[in-house]
């Protein structure tokens, strides 16, 4: 299995997935993999999330299956027990970070200010989530951070989509972006998994063009 950071560099797009039904977990993951994105962030916003994480992690062990919207130490523990290979939180929570680090898996806490960046750095973290990216300063803030936190990379999430994907990925301290546009709720609900594959292919194309 590739290291988490290596996986991000290879495919710098993390689909943020909200699943109302665990039965949709495998079809959504298959559609994303077919589109060239073998990394998933299943958010703990629904009752189906933990089951979905377990099913995807078991079915696709070579992919990177993570849990998002992790708000507490208990949620982090549940997600790890379910099979999550990395943890993402919308903000800073010391309990979440400690739980993930104790389990030996990557954790990406959300930050929005220099103080939060420095708090995360004191815990040895060098990949952080900028959230909500478009509201807290987006590309301008990322560029400002790059001047003082040269060894820290960011995963901007919140307001990122196919239209501004290339612009975000062009910022040197952006290692990847996260977004829900790849798995729209209506598309999942209607079982239009081919559309998810199309969106994934489009995102890979945009990301690859930006790298070249």
C-alpha atoms as a PDB file:
ATOM      1  CA  UNK A   1       0.000   0.000   0.000  1.00  0.00           C
ATOM      2  CA  UNK A   2       1.439   3.429  -0.893  1.00  0.00           C
ATOM      3  CA  UNK A   3       2.137   5.916   1.860  1.00  0.00           C
ATOM      4  CA  UNK A   4      -0.644   8.437   2.277  1.00  0.00           C
ATOM      5  CA  UNK A   5       1.455  11.397   1.150  1.00  0.00           C
ATOM      6  CA  UNK A   6       2.757   9.460  -1.839  1.00  0.00           C
ATOM      7  CA  UNK A   7      -0.826   8.592  -2.777  1.00  0.00           C
ATOM      8  CA  UNK A   8      -1.782  12.275  -2.642  1.00  0.00           C
ATOM      9  CA  UNK A   9       1.104  13.254  -4.881  1.00  0.00           C
ATOM     10  CA  UNK A  10       0.125  10.555  -7.369  1.00  0.00           C
ATOM     11  CA  UNK A  11      -3.570  11.498  -7.366  1.00  0.00           C
ATOM     12  CA  UNK A  12      -3.965  14.986  -5.865  1.00  0.00           C
ATOM     13  CA  UNK A  13      -7.746  14.824  -5.564  1.00  0.00           C
ATOM     14  CA  UNK A  14      -9.648  13.425  -2.570  1.00  0.00           C
ATOM     15  CA  UNK A  15     -13.355  12.781  -3.133  1.00  0.00           C
ATOM     16  CA  UNK A  16     -15.327  13.806  -0.052  1.00  0.00           C
ATOM     17  CA  UNK A  17     -18.113  11.240   0.069  1.00  0.00           C
ATOM     18  CA  UNK A  18     -21.392  11.427   1.979  1.00  0.00           C
ATOM     19  CA  UNK A  19     -23.265   8.119   1.871  1.00  0.00           C
ATOM     20  CA  UNK A  20     -26.821   7.739   3.057  1.00  0.00           C
ATOM     21  CA  UNK A  21     -26.786   4.004   2.289  1.00  0.00           C
ATOM     22  CA  UNK A  22     -23.977   1.558   2.966  1.00  0.00           C
ATOM     23  CA  UNK A  23     -25.102  -0.326  -0.151  1.00  0.00           C
ATOM     24  CA  UNK A  24     -23.764   2.534  -2.264  1.00  0.00           C
ATOM     25  CA  UNK A  25     -20.249   2.275  -0.829  1.00  0.00           C
ATOM     26  CA  UNK A  26     -18.802  -0.300  -3.217  1.00  0.00           C
ATOM     27  CA  UNK A  27     -20.404   1.101  -6.410  1.00  0.00           C
ATOM     28  CA  UNK A  28     -19.156   4.604  -5.580  1.00  0.00           C
ATOM     29  CA  UNK A  29     -15.645   3.350  -4.823  1.00  0.00           C
ATOM     30  CA  UNK A  30     -15.612   1.249  -8.000  1.00  0.00           C
ATOM     31  CA  UNK A  31     -16.723   4.235 -10.063  1.00  0.00           C
ATOM     32  CA  UNK A  32     -13.967   6.418  -8.634  1.00  0.00           C
ATOM     33  CA  UNK A  33     -11.311   3.755  -9.146  1.00  0.00           C
ATOM     34  CA  UNK A  34     -12.456   3.268 -12.736  1.00  0.00           C
ATOM     35  CA  UNK A  35     -11.997   7.009 -13.169  1.00  0.00           C
ATOM     36  CA  UNK A  36      -8.461   6.798 -11.810  1.00  0.00           C
ATOM     37  CA  UNK A  37      -8.991   7.985  -8.234  1.00  0.00           C
ATOM     38  CA  UNK A  38      -8.242   5.231  -5.678  1.00  0.00           C
ATOM     39  CA  UNK A  39      -8.555   7.438  -2.618  1.00  0.00           C
ATOM     40  CA  UNK A  40     -11.708   8.114  -0.618  1.00  0.00           C
ATOM     41  CA  UNK A  41     -12.770  10.265   2.311  1.00  0.00           C
ATOM     42  CA  UNK A  42     -16.053   8.912   3.660  1.00  0.00           C
ATOM     43  CA  UNK A  43     -17.494  11.501   6.021  1.00  0.00           C
ATOM     44  CA  UNK A  44     -18.978  10.540   9.371  1.00  0.00           C
ATOM     45  CA  UNK A  45     -22.103  12.561   8.707  1.00  0.00           C
ATOM     46  CA  UNK A  46     -24.478   9.628   8.322  1.00  0.00           C
ATOM     47  CA  UNK A  47     -25.296   6.382  10.090  1.00  0.00           C
ATOM     48  CA  UNK A  48     -24.019   4.470   7.057  1.00  0.00           C
ATOM     49  CA  UNK A  49     -20.496   5.906   7.176  1.00  0.00           C
ATOM     50  CA  UNK A  50     -18.696   3.424   9.422  1.00  0.00           C
ATOM     51  CA  UNK A  51     -20.144   0.421   7.610  1.00  0.00           C
ATOM     52  CA  UNK A  52     -19.229   2.010   4.293  1.00  0.00           C
ATOM     53  CA  UNK A  53     -15.638   2.587   5.406  1.00  0.00           C
ATOM     54  CA  UNK A  54     -15.342  -1.034   6.477  1.00  0.00           C
ATOM     55  CA  UNK A  55     -16.746  -2.388   3.234  1.00  0.00           C
ATOM     56  CA  UNK A  56     -14.559  -0.203   1.010  1.00  0.00           C
ATOM     57  CA  UNK A  57     -11.375  -0.868   3.004  1.00  0.00           C
ATOM     58  CA  UNK A  58     -11.971  -4.613   2.875  1.00  0.00           C
ATOM     59  CA  UNK A  59     -12.874  -4.712  -0.824  1.00  0.00           C
ATOM     60  CA  UNK A  60     -10.100  -2.356  -1.984  1.00  0.00           C
ATOM     61  CA  UNK A  61      -7.123  -2.842   0.367  1.00  0.00           C
ATOM     62  CA  UNK A  62      -4.717  -1.177  -2.075  1.00  0.00           C
ATOM     63  CA  UNK A  63      -6.763   2.026  -2.120  1.00  0.00           C
ATOM     64  CA  UNK A  64      -6.603   4.744   0.525  1.00  0.00           C
ATOM     65  CA  UNK A  65      -9.844   4.748   2.509  1.00  0.00           C
ATOM     66  CA  UNK A  66     -10.210   7.462   5.118  1.00  0.00           C
ATOM     67  CA  UNK A  67     -12.788   8.914   7.451  1.00  0.00           C
ATOM     68  CA  UNK A  68     -13.746  12.572   7.241  1.00  0.00           C
ATOM     69  CA  UNK A  69     -15.671  14.966   9.483  1.00  0.00           C
ATOM     70  CA  UNK A  70     -14.141  13.249  12.502  1.00  0.00           C
ATOM     71  CA  UNK A  71     -15.085  15.457  15.437  1.00  0.00           C
ATOM     72  CA  UNK A  72     -14.051  13.531  18.540  1.00  0.00           C
ATOM     73  CA  UNK A  73     -11.653  10.979  19.979  1.00  0.00           C
ATOM     74  CA  UNK A  74     -14.462   8.419  20.077  1.00  0.00           C
ATOM     75  CA  UNK A  75     -15.316   8.938  16.410  1.00  0.00           C
ATOM     76  CA  UNK A  76     -11.660   8.585  15.492  1.00  0.00           C
ATOM     77  CA  UNK A  77     -11.445   5.300  17.384  1.00  0.00           C
ATOM     78  CA  UNK A  78     -14.620   3.995  15.735  1.00  0.00           C
ATOM     79  CA  UNK A  79     -13.369   4.955  12.279  1.00  0.00           C
ATOM     80  CA  UNK A  80     -10.008   3.282  12.818  1.00  0.00           C
ATOM     81  CA  UNK A  81     -11.687   0.156  14.151  1.00  0.00           C
ATOM     82  CA  UNK A  82     -13.912   0.142  11.054  1.00  0.00           C
ATOM     83  CA  UNK A  83     -10.854   0.153   8.788  1.00  0.00           C
ATOM     84  CA  UNK A  84     -10.068   3.817   8.115  1.00  0.00           C
ATOM     85  CA  UNK A  85      -6.491   4.247   6.907  1.00  0.00           C
ATOM     86  CA  UNK A  86      -6.364   7.975   7.579  1.00  0.00           C
ATOM     87  CA  UNK A  87      -8.394  10.534   9.516  1.00  0.00           C
ATOM     88  CA  UNK A  88      -9.558  13.987   8.421  1.00  0.00           C
ATOM     89  CA  UNK A  89     -11.135  16.569  10.714  1.00  0.00           C
ATOM     90  CA  UNK A  90     -12.662  19.939   9.768  1.00  0.00           C
ATOM     91  CA  UNK A  91     -10.809  21.617  12.639  1.00  0.00           C
ATOM     92  CA  UNK A  92      -8.289  21.006  15.369  1.00  0.00           C
ATOM     93  CA  UNK A  93      -9.107  18.450  18.069  1.00  0.00           C
ATOM     94  CA  UNK A  94      -6.254  17.195  20.202  1.00  0.00           C
ATOM     95  CA  UNK A  95      -8.062  13.970  21.039  1.00  0.00           C
ATOM     96  CA  UNK A  96      -8.586  13.127  17.366  1.00  0.00           C
ATOM     97  CA  UNK A  97      -4.931  13.806  16.578  1.00  0.00           C
ATOM     98  CA  UNK A  98      -3.643  11.777  19.533  1.00  0.00           C
ATOM     99  CA  UNK A  99      -5.899   8.832  18.708  1.00  0.00           C
ATOM    100  CA  UNK A 100      -4.783   8.697  15.091  1.00  0.00           C
ATOM    101  CA  UNK A 101      -1.114   9.121  15.938  1.00  0.00           C
ATOM    102  CA  UNK A 102      -1.340   6.408  18.619  1.00  0.00           C
ATOM    103  CA  UNK A 103      -2.808   4.095  15.980  1.00  0.00           C
ATOM    104  CA  UNK A 104       0.005   4.966  13.600  1.00  0.00           C
ATOM    105  CA  UNK A 105      -2.191   6.347  10.836  1.00  0.00           C
ATOM    106  CA  UNK A 106      -2.104   9.767   9.122  1.00  0.00           C
ATOM    107  CA  UNK A 107      -4.313  12.519  10.450  1.00  0.00           C
ATOM    108  CA  UNK A 108      -5.154  15.718   8.581  1.00  0.00           C
ATOM    109  CA  UNK A 109      -6.754  18.312  10.861  1.00  0.00           C
ATOM    110  CA  UNK A 110      -8.438  21.389   9.501  1.00  0.00           C
ATOM    111  CA  UNK A 111      -6.794  24.780   9.961  1.00  0.00           C
ATOM    112  CA  UNK A 112      -7.749  28.312   9.031  1.00  0.00           C
ATOM    113  CA  UNK A 113      -5.253  30.509  10.895  1.00  0.00           C
ATOM    114  CA  UNK A 114      -1.489  30.715  11.481  1.00  0.00           C
ATOM    115  CA  UNK A 115      -2.023  29.792  15.147  1.00  0.00           C
ATOM    116  CA  UNK A 116      -3.737  26.561  14.149  1.00  0.00           C
ATOM    117  CA  UNK A 117      -0.997  25.754  11.656  1.00  0.00           C
ATOM    118  CA  UNK A 118       1.637  26.188  14.356  1.00  0.00           C
ATOM    119  CA  UNK A 119      -0.313  24.070  16.826  1.00  0.00           C
ATOM    120  CA  UNK A 120      -0.438  21.265  14.267  1.00  0.00           C
ATOM    121  CA  UNK A 121       3.246  21.655  13.472  1.00  0.00           C
ATOM    122  CA  UNK A 122       4.094  21.260  17.156  1.00  0.00           C
ATOM    123  CA  UNK A 123       2.464  17.830  16.943  1.00  0.00           C
ATOM    124  CA  UNK A 124       4.690  16.921  14.009  1.00  0.00           C
ATOM    125  CA  UNK A 125       2.017  17.322  11.341  1.00  0.00           C
ATOM    126  CA  UNK A 126       3.084  18.634   7.952  1.00  0.00           C
ATOM    127  CA  UNK A 127      -0.025  17.927   5.843  1.00  0.00           C
ATOM    128  CA  UNK A 128      -3.024  20.003   6.908  1.00  0.00           C
ATOM    129  CA  UNK A 129      -6.511  20.665   5.610  1.00  0.00           C
ATOM    130  CA  UNK A 130      -7.401  24.280   4.816  1.00  0.00           C
ATOM    131  CA  UNK A 131     -11.109  24.538   5.602  1.00  0.00           C
ATOM    132  CA  UNK A 132     -13.384  26.096   4.529  1.00  0.00           C
ATOM    133  CA  UNK A 133     -10.886  27.134   1.895  1.00  0.00           C
ATOM    134  CA  UNK A 134     -12.936  29.566  -0.161  1.00  0.00           C
ATOM    135  CA  UNK A 135     -14.229  31.414   2.903  1.00  0.00           C
ATOM    136  CA  UNK A 136     -11.006  31.742   4.916  1.00  0.00           C
ATOM    137  CA  UNK A 137      -8.860  33.105   2.105  1.00  0.00           C
ATOM    138  CA  UNK A 138      -8.339  30.333  -0.424  1.00  0.00           C
ATOM    139  CA  UNK A 139      -5.404  30.707  -2.773  1.00  0.00           C
ATOM    140  CA  UNK A 140      -4.274  34.045  -1.307  1.00  0.00           C
ATOM    141  CA  UNK A 141      -4.032  32.529   2.181  1.00  0.00           C
ATOM    142  CA  UNK A 142      -2.206  29.455   0.889  1.00  0.00           C
ATOM    143  CA  UNK A 143       0.387  31.662  -0.787  1.00  0.00           C
ATOM    144  CA  UNK A 144       0.814  33.644   2.413  1.00  0.00           C
ATOM    145  CA  UNK A 145       1.294  30.429   4.395  1.00  0.00           C
ATOM    146  CA  UNK A 146       3.939  29.228   1.928  1.00  0.00           C
ATOM    147  CA  UNK A 147       6.188  32.157   2.817  1.00  0.00           C
ATOM    148  CA  UNK A 148       6.407  31.179   6.499  1.00  0.00           C
ATOM    149  CA  UNK A 149       5.625  27.447   6.599  1.00  0.00           C
ATOM    150  CA  UNK A 150       7.881  26.211   3.831  1.00  0.00           C
ATOM    151  CA  UNK A 151       7.781  22.558   4.911  1.00  0.00           C
ATOM    152  CA  UNK A 152       3.999  22.347   5.356  1.00  0.00           C
ATOM    153  CA  UNK A 153       1.558  21.196   2.672  1.00  0.00           C
ATOM    154  CA  UNK A 154      -2.165  21.783   2.493  1.00  0.00           C
ATOM    155  CA  UNK A 155      -5.307  20.070   1.250  1.00  0.00           C
ATOM    156  CA  UNK A 156      -7.784  22.896   0.590  1.00  0.00           C
ATOM    157  CA  UNK A 157     -11.390  21.774   0.913  1.00  0.00           C
ATOM    158  CA  UNK A 158     -14.603  23.750   0.797  1.00  0.00           C
ATOM    159  CA  UNK A 159     -15.530  25.536  -2.402  1.00  0.00           C
ATOM    160  CA  UNK A 160     -13.073  23.561  -4.534  1.00  0.00           C
ATOM    161  CA  UNK A 161     -14.513  22.117  -7.748  1.00  0.00           C
ATOM    162  CA  UNK A 162     -13.638  21.329 -11.351  1.00  0.00           C
ATOM    163  CA  UNK A 163     -13.709  25.026 -12.275  1.00  0.00           C
ATOM    164  CA  UNK A 164     -10.984  26.108  -9.841  1.00  0.00           C
ATOM    165  CA  UNK A 165      -9.173  22.782  -9.358  1.00  0.00           C
ATOM    166  CA  UNK A 166      -6.260  23.686 -11.631  1.00  0.00           C
ATOM    167  CA  UNK A 167      -5.833  27.057  -9.942  1.00  0.00           C
ATOM    168  CA  UNK A 168      -5.582  25.472  -6.499  1.00  0.00           C
ATOM    169  CA  UNK A 169      -3.232  22.703  -7.626  1.00  0.00           C
ATOM    170  CA  UNK A 170      -0.929  25.305  -9.178  1.00  0.00           C
ATOM    171  CA  UNK A 171      -0.128  26.658  -5.704  1.00  0.00           C
ATOM    172  CA  UNK A 172       3.196  25.031  -4.672  1.00  0.00           C
ATOM    173  CA  UNK A 173       2.200  24.167  -1.090  1.00  0.00           C
ATOM    174  CA  UNK A 174      -1.011  22.405  -2.173  1.00  0.00           C
ATOM    175  CA  UNK A 175      -0.387  18.652  -2.161  1.00  0.00           C
ATOM    176  CA  UNK A 176      -4.001  17.788  -3.039  1.00  0.00           C
ATOM    177  CA  UNK A 177      -7.540  19.138  -2.876  1.00  0.00           C
ATOM    178  CA  UNK A 178     -10.683  17.697  -1.372  1.00  0.00           C
ATOM    179  CA  UNK A 179     -14.193  18.101  -2.661  1.00  0.00           C
ATOM    180  CA  UNK A 180     -17.683  16.673  -2.799  1.00  0.00           C
ATOM    181  CA  UNK A 181     -18.267  17.603  -6.440  1.00  0.00           C
ATOM    182  CA  UNK A 182     -17.010  14.179  -7.533  1.00  0.00           C
ATOM    183  CA  UNK A 183     -19.819  12.320  -5.781  1.00  0.00           C
ATOM    184  CA  UNK A 184     -22.920  14.556  -5.856  1.00  0.00           C
ATOM    185  CA  UNK A 185     -25.672  13.392  -3.513  1.00  0.00           C
ATOM    186  CA  UNK A 186     -28.273  13.306  -6.275  1.00  0.00           C
ATOM    187  CA  UNK A 187     -26.022  11.230  -8.536  1.00  0.00           C
ATOM    188  CA  UNK A 188     -25.355   8.697  -5.781  1.00  0.00           C
ATOM    189  CA  UNK A 189     -29.036   8.532  -4.821  1.00  0.00           C
ATOM    190  CA  UNK A 190     -30.034   7.842  -8.429  1.00  0.00           C
ATOM    191  CA  UNK A 191     -27.311   5.246  -8.905  1.00  0.00           C
ATOM    192  CA  UNK A 192     -25.691   7.129 -11.784  1.00  0.00           C
ATOM    193  CA  UNK A 193     -22.252   5.757 -11.036  1.00  0.00           C
ATOM    194  CA  UNK A 194     -21.045   6.269 -14.613  1.00  0.00           C
ATOM    195  CA  UNK A 195     -21.335  10.001 -13.949  1.00  0.00           C
ATOM    196  CA  UNK A 196     -19.006   9.647 -10.958  1.00  0.00           C
ATOM    197  CA  UNK A 197     -16.490   7.910 -13.210  1.00  0.00           C
ATOM    198  CA  UNK A 198     -16.797  10.733 -15.734  1.00  0.00           C
ATOM    199  CA  UNK A 199     -16.227  13.351 -13.057  1.00  0.00           C
ATOM    200  CA  UNK A 200     -13.203  11.439 -11.759  1.00  0.00           C
ATOM    201  CA  UNK A 201     -11.695  11.192 -15.246  1.00  0.00           C
ATOM    202  CA  UNK A 202     -12.249  14.924 -15.734  1.00  0.00           C
ATOM    203  CA  UNK A 203     -10.558  15.706 -12.413  1.00  0.00           C
ATOM    204  CA  UNK A 204      -7.570  13.496 -13.256  1.00  0.00           C
ATOM    205  CA  UNK A 205      -7.264  15.204 -16.639  1.00  0.00           C
ATOM    206  CA  UNK A 206      -7.284  18.658 -15.053  1.00  0.00           C
ATOM    207  CA  UNK A 207      -4.785  17.599 -12.391  1.00  0.00           C
ATOM    208  CA  UNK A 208      -2.464  16.007 -14.939  1.00  0.00           C
ATOM    209  CA  UNK A 209      -2.581  19.080 -17.174  1.00  0.00           C
ATOM    210  CA  UNK A 210      -1.641  21.233 -14.220  1.00  0.00           C
ATOM    211  CA  UNK A 211       1.381  19.078 -13.431  1.00  0.00           C
ATOM    212  CA  UNK A 212       2.707  19.110 -17.008  1.00  0.00           C
END
